[in-house]
C-alpha atoms as a PDB file:
ATOM      1  CA  MET A   1      -0.037   0.043   0.138  1.00  0.00           C
ATOM      2  CA  LYS A   2       3.011   2.429   0.864  1.00  0.00           C
ATOM      3  CA  LYS A   3       4.177   2.167  -2.664  1.00  0.00           C
ATOM      4  CA  LEU A   4       0.892   2.598  -4.453  1.00  0.00           C
ATOM      5  CA  ILE A   5       0.292   5.808  -2.250  1.00  0.00           C
ATOM      6  CA  PHE A   6       4.056   7.068  -3.239  1.00  0.00           C
ATOM      7  CA  LEU A   7       2.928   6.287  -6.725  1.00  0.00           C
ATOM      8  CA  LEU A   8      -0.042   8.273  -6.515  1.00  0.00           C
ATOM      9  CA  THR A   9       1.741  11.299  -5.429  1.00  0.00           C
ATOM     10  CA  ILE A  10       4.477  11.290  -8.295  1.00  0.00           C
ATOM     11  CA  ILE A  11       1.893  10.894 -10.868  1.00  0.00           C
ATOM     12  CA  SER A  12      -0.012  13.483  -9.292  1.00  0.00           C
ATOM     13  CA  LEU A  13       2.925  15.788  -9.499  1.00  0.00           C
ATOM     14  CA  ASN A  14       3.564  15.019 -13.171  1.00  0.00           C
ATOM     15  CA  ALA A  15      -0.034  15.358 -13.805  1.00  0.00           C
ATOM     16  CA  SER A  16      -0.045  19.145 -12.460  1.00  0.00           C
ATOM     17  CA  ALA A  17       3.808  19.888 -12.451  1.00  0.00           C
ATOM     18  CA  VAL A  18       3.387  23.351 -14.573  1.00  0.00           C
ATOM     19  CA  ASP A  19       0.203  24.069 -12.657  1.00  0.00           C
ATOM     20  CA  ILE A  20       1.035  23.984  -8.932  1.00  0.00           C
ATOM     21  CA  LEU A  21       3.514  25.891  -7.042  1.00  0.00           C
ATOM     22  CA  PRO A  22       6.762  24.669  -5.200  1.00  0.00           C
ATOM     23  CA  GLY A  23       6.557  24.856  -1.282  1.00  0.00           C
ATOM     24  CA  LEU A  24       4.995  24.011   1.631  1.00  0.00           C
ATOM     25  CA  TRP A  25       1.460  22.722   1.368  1.00  0.00           C
ATOM     26  CA  SER A  26      -1.429  21.921   3.937  1.00  0.00           C
ATOM     27  CA  THR A  27      -3.115  18.520   2.948  1.00  0.00           C
ATOM     28  CA  ASP A  28      -6.107  16.764   4.100  1.00  0.00           C
ATOM     29  CA  ASN A  29      -7.132  13.011   3.360  1.00  0.00           C
ATOM     30  CA  GLU A  30      -9.119  10.432   4.141  1.00  0.00           C
ATOM     31  CA  VAL A  31      -8.601   6.916   3.662  1.00  0.00           C
ATOM     32  CA  LYS A  32     -11.289   4.056   3.553  1.00  0.00           C
ATOM     33  CA  ILE A  33     -10.438   0.381   3.403  1.00  0.00           C
ATOM     34  CA  ASP A  34     -13.542  -1.947   2.667  1.00  0.00           C
ATOM     35  CA  GLY A  35     -15.734   1.141   3.549  1.00  0.00           C
ATOM     36  CA  LYS A  36     -14.134   1.538   6.985  1.00  0.00           C
ATOM     37  CA  VAL A  37     -12.218   4.934   7.508  1.00  0.00           C
ATOM     38  CA  LEU A  38      -8.616   4.302   8.307  1.00  0.00           C
ATOM     39  CA  ASP A  39      -7.860   7.336  10.830  1.00  0.00           C
ATOM     40  CA  ILE A  40      -3.998   7.400  10.275  1.00  0.00           C
ATOM     41  CA  HIS A  41      -3.514  10.531  12.478  1.00  0.00           C
ATOM     42  CA  LYS A  42      -5.186   8.598  15.455  1.00  0.00           C
ATOM     43  CA  LYS A  43      -3.009   5.477  14.706  1.00  0.00           C
ATOM     44  CA  ILE A  44       0.080   7.508  14.657  1.00  0.00           C
ATOM     45  CA  ALA A  45      -0.902   9.779  17.817  1.00  0.00           C
ATOM     46  CA  ASP A  46      -1.668   5.978  19.661  1.00  0.00           C
ATOM     47  CA  ALA A  47       1.784   4.792  18.581  1.00  0.00           C
ATOM     48  CA  MET A  48       3.562   8.050  19.641  1.00  0.00           C
ATOM     49  CA  ALA A  49       1.899   7.857  23.024  1.00  0.00           C
ATOM     50  CA  MET A  50       3.773   4.542  23.805  1.00  0.00           C
ATOM     51  CA  ILE A  51       7.227   6.040  22.825  1.00  0.00           C
ATOM     52  CA  PRO A  52       9.025   7.573  25.795  1.00  0.00           C
ATOM     53  CA  GLU A  53       9.066  11.472  25.000  1.00  0.00           C
ATOM     54  CA  ALA A  54      12.894  11.269  24.553  1.00  0.00           C
ATOM     55  CA  GLN A  55      12.580   8.948  21.697  1.00  0.00           C
ATOM     56  CA  ARG A  56       9.627  10.578  19.742  1.00  0.00           C
ATOM     57  CA  ALA A  57      12.061  12.840  17.562  1.00  0.00           C
ATOM     58  CA  GLN A  58      14.230   9.703  16.705  1.00  0.00           C
ATOM     59  CA  PHE A  59      11.167   7.810  15.797  1.00  0.00           C
ATOM     60  CA  MET A  60       9.823  10.450  13.458  1.00  0.00           C
ATOM     61  CA  LYS A  61      13.034  11.030  11.527  1.00  0.00           C
ATOM     62  CA  MET A  62      13.201   7.147  11.092  1.00  0.00           C
ATOM     63  CA  MET A  63       9.775   7.131   9.795  1.00  0.00           C
ATOM     64  CA  GLU A  64      10.821   9.953   7.631  1.00  0.00           C
ATOM     65  CA  ALA A  65      13.671   8.179   6.363  1.00  0.00           C
ATOM     66  CA  GLN A  66      11.604   5.121   5.324  1.00  0.00           C
ATOM     67  CA  MET A  67       8.665   7.057   3.444  1.00  0.00           C
ATOM     68  CA  GLY A  68      10.497  10.073   2.541  1.00  0.00           C
ATOM     69  CA  SER A  69      10.051  13.557   3.579  1.00  0.00           C
ATOM     70  CA  ASN A  70       8.192  14.353   0.187  1.00  0.00           C
ATOM     71  CA  GLY A  71       5.401  12.173  -0.687  1.00  0.00           C
ATOM     72  CA  LEU A  72       1.651  11.379   0.021  1.00  0.00           C
ATOM     73  CA  LEU A  73       2.005   9.039   2.635  1.00  0.00           C
ATOM     74  CA  SER A  74       4.385  11.555   4.579  1.00  0.00           C
ATOM     75  CA  GLY A  75       1.787  14.228   3.906  1.00  0.00           C
ATOM     76  CA  MET A  76      -0.660  11.956   5.251  1.00  0.00           C
ATOM     77  CA  MET A  77       1.063  11.908   8.456  1.00  0.00           C
ATOM     78  CA  MET A  78       2.139  15.065   8.904  1.00  0.00           C
ATOM     79  CA  LYS A  79      -0.892  17.238   7.083  1.00  0.00           C
ATOM     80  CA  GLU A  80       1.727  18.911   5.442  1.00  0.00           C
ATOM     81  CA  LEU A  81       3.744  18.204   1.893  1.00  0.00           C
ATOM     82  CA  CYS A  82       6.956  19.696   0.807  1.00  0.00           C
ATOM     83  CA  ILE A  83       7.129  20.092  -3.048  1.00  0.00           C
ATOM     84  CA  THR A  84      10.446  21.308  -4.320  1.00  0.00           C
ATOM     85  CA  LYS A  85      11.373  23.100  -7.370  1.00  0.00           C
ATOM     86  CA  ASP A  86      13.149  20.101  -8.535  1.00  0.00           C
ATOM     87  CA  MET A  87       9.959  17.972  -8.353  1.00  0.00           C
ATOM     88  CA  VAL A  88       7.912  20.599  -9.941  1.00  0.00           C
ATOM     89  CA  LYS A  89      10.792  20.615 -12.960  1.00  0.00           C
ATOM     90  CA  ASP A  90      11.054  16.951 -13.531  1.00  0.00           C
ATOM     91  CA  PRO A  91       8.763  14.963 -11.555  1.00  0.00           C
ATOM     92  CA  LEU A  92       9.538  11.826 -13.707  1.00  0.00           C
ATOM     93  CA  SER A  93      12.781  11.479 -11.968  1.00  0.00           C
ATOM     94  CA  PHE A  94      10.786  10.412  -8.754  1.00  0.00           C
ATOM     95  CA  MET A  95       8.667   8.086 -11.161  1.00  0.00           C
ATOM     96  CA  ASN A  96      11.674   6.188 -12.313  1.00  0.00           C
ATOM     97  CA  LYS A  97      12.228   4.925  -8.409  1.00  0.00           C
ATOM     98  CA  GLN A  98       8.800   3.439  -8.589  1.00  0.00           C
ATOM     99  CA  LYS A  99       9.085   0.688 -11.008  1.00  0.00           C
ATOM    100  CA  ASP A 100       6.416  -1.691  -9.447  1.00  0.00           C
ATOM    101  CA  CYS A 101       3.415   0.517 -10.744  1.00  0.00           C
ATOM    102  CA  LYS A 102       2.786   1.527 -14.043  1.00  0.00           C
ATOM    103  CA  SER A 103       0.320   4.509 -14.919  1.00  0.00           C
ATOM    104  CA  THR A 104      -1.823   4.967 -18.195  1.00  0.00           C
ATOM    105  CA  PRO A 105      -3.318   8.595 -18.806  1.00  0.00           C
ATOM    106  CA  VAL A 106      -6.993   8.421 -19.512  1.00  0.00           C
ATOM    107  CA  LYS A 107      -7.850  12.141 -19.470  1.00  0.00           C
ATOM    108  CA  ASN A 108      -5.288  14.872 -19.406  1.00  0.00           C
ATOM    109  CA  GLU A 109      -6.987  18.234 -19.589  1.00  0.00           C
ATOM    110  CA  ASP A 110      -5.958  21.400 -17.772  1.00  0.00           C
ATOM    111  CA  ASN A 111      -7.683  21.079 -14.502  1.00  0.00           C
ATOM    112  CA  LEU A 112      -8.606  17.429 -14.748  1.00  0.00           C
ATOM    113  CA  LYS A 113      -6.105  14.451 -15.120  1.00  0.00           C
ATOM    114  CA  ILE A 114      -7.325  10.777 -14.829  1.00  0.00           C
ATOM    115  CA  TYR A 115      -4.826   7.939 -14.787  1.00  0.00           C
ATOM    116  CA  LYS A 116      -5.501   4.301 -14.571  1.00  0.00           C
ATOM    117  CA  ILE A 117      -2.970   2.775 -12.075  1.00  0.00           C
ATOM    118  CA  LYS A 118      -1.801  -1.234 -11.946  1.00  0.00           C
ATOM    119  CA  CYS A 119       0.738  -2.344  -9.749  1.00  0.00           C
ATOM    120  CA  ASP A 120       2.987  -5.672  -9.982  1.00  0.00           C
ATOM    121  CA  ASN A 121       1.345  -6.876  -6.250  1.00  0.00           C
ATOM    122  CA  GLY A 122      -2.139  -6.600  -7.469  1.00  0.00           C
ATOM    123  CA  SER A 123      -3.087  -3.062  -6.533  1.00  0.00           C
ATOM    124  CA  ASN A 124      -5.052  -1.209  -9.078  1.00  0.00           C
ATOM    125  CA  GLY A 125      -7.393   1.487  -9.599  1.00  0.00           C
ATOM    126  CA  THR A 126      -8.271   4.743 -10.962  1.00  0.00           C
ATOM    127  CA  LEU A 127      -6.671   8.384  -9.819  1.00  0.00           C
ATOM    128  CA  THR A 128      -8.474  11.374 -10.437  1.00  0.00           C
ATOM    129  CA  TRP A 129      -6.935  14.754  -9.991  1.00  0.00           C
ATOM    130  CA  ASN A 130      -8.538  18.095  -9.911  1.00  0.00           C
ATOM    131  CA  ILE A 131      -6.459  21.122 -10.148  1.00  0.00           C
ATOM    132  CA  ALA A 132      -8.472  24.251  -9.124  1.00  0.00           C
ATOM    133  CA  ASP A 133      -5.575  26.582  -9.579  1.00  0.00           C
ATOM    134  CA  ASN A 134      -1.796  26.715  -8.842  1.00  0.00           C
ATOM    135  CA  LYS A 135      -2.492  26.709  -4.905  1.00  0.00           C
ATOM    136  CA  ASN A 136      -5.414  24.321  -4.690  1.00  0.00           C
ATOM    137  CA  TYR A 137      -5.818  20.576  -5.492  1.00  0.00           C
ATOM    138  CA  SER A 138      -7.997  17.770  -4.727  1.00  0.00           C
ATOM    139  CA  GLY A 139      -8.752  14.098  -5.984  1.00  0.00           C
ATOM    140  CA  ASN A 140      -9.135  10.468  -5.153  1.00  0.00           C
ATOM    141  CA  PHE A 141      -8.084   7.156  -5.941  1.00  0.00           C
ATOM    142  CA  ASP A 142     -10.641   4.415  -6.163  1.00  0.00           C
ATOM    143  CA  GLY A 143      -9.248   0.926  -6.566  1.00  0.00           C
ATOM    144  CA  VAL A 144      -7.958  -2.408  -4.752  1.00  0.00           C
ATOM    145  CA  SER A 145      -5.089  -3.203  -2.917  1.00  0.00           C
ATOM    146  CA  HIS A 146      -2.509  -6.260  -3.052  1.00  0.00           C
ATOM    147  CA  LYS A 147      -4.936  -7.725  -0.435  1.00  0.00           C
ATOM    148  CA  LYS A 148      -8.042  -7.320  -2.558  1.00  0.00           C
ATOM    149  CA  GLU A 149      -9.776  -4.864  -0.332  1.00  0.00           C
ATOM    150  CA  LYS A 150     -11.452  -1.898  -1.718  1.00  0.00           C
ATOM    151  CA  VAL A 151      -9.407   1.374  -1.104  1.00  0.00           C
ATOM    152  CA  LEU A 152     -10.737   4.959  -1.434  1.00  0.00           C
ATOM    153  CA  ILE A 153      -8.541   8.011  -0.870  1.00  0.00           C
ATOM    154  CA  THR A 154      -9.720  11.129  -1.123  1.00  0.00           C
ATOM    155  CA  PHE A 155      -7.202  14.139  -0.611  1.00  0.00           C
ATOM    156  CA  SER A 156      -6.715  17.937  -1.018  1.00  0.00           C
ATOM    157  CA  GLY A 157      -3.940  20.386  -0.738  1.00  0.00           C
ATOM    158  CA  LYS A 158      -3.598  24.197  -0.407  1.00  0.00           C
ATOM    159  CA  HIS A 159      -0.232  26.018  -0.938  1.00  0.00           C
ATOM    160  CA  LYS A 160       0.765  27.608   2.453  1.00  0.00           C
ATOM    161  CA  ALA A 161       4.282  29.141   1.946  1.00  0.00           C
ATOM    162  CA  THR A 162       6.906  29.393  -0.618  1.00  0.00           C
ATOM    163  CA  LYS A 163       9.460  27.854   1.475  1.00  0.00           C
ATOM    164  CA  CYS A 164       9.454  24.405   3.393  1.00  0.00           C
ATOM    165  CA  LYS A 165      10.428  24.168   6.829  1.00  0.00           C
END
């Protein structure tokens, strides 16, 4: 699932590379697995509560290293996403790292991008990306996981600042 979510981020950056601004974005999302909301923030808060306070920063650094500081999964955890100038200029460089999943464009209009996603592990579905303007986006992924679970991810983002923290 982590690879699928990362691929969705890269495709969405590619789909809107000339339209969105680099910088810090606030993100909002909802993940449903077989119709049940997966509250990622609660799961993370519960996990963090079990870690001694002195070790929390180290744990977060480890999580960032595993998932990458740029990407939808990171953005889902932190409610923020850093999109760099390099990502806007050449998002395909990130796509090359994700060889397990392939995307096929279905629709490529200025403000609406639709892709079919198919991963080697069996995950597949449709990504719909709506770009309101260079500071606002929304969309969803509707498909199935490698475990054949029904997955619906809705997401949105708003540009917050020209520089990331």
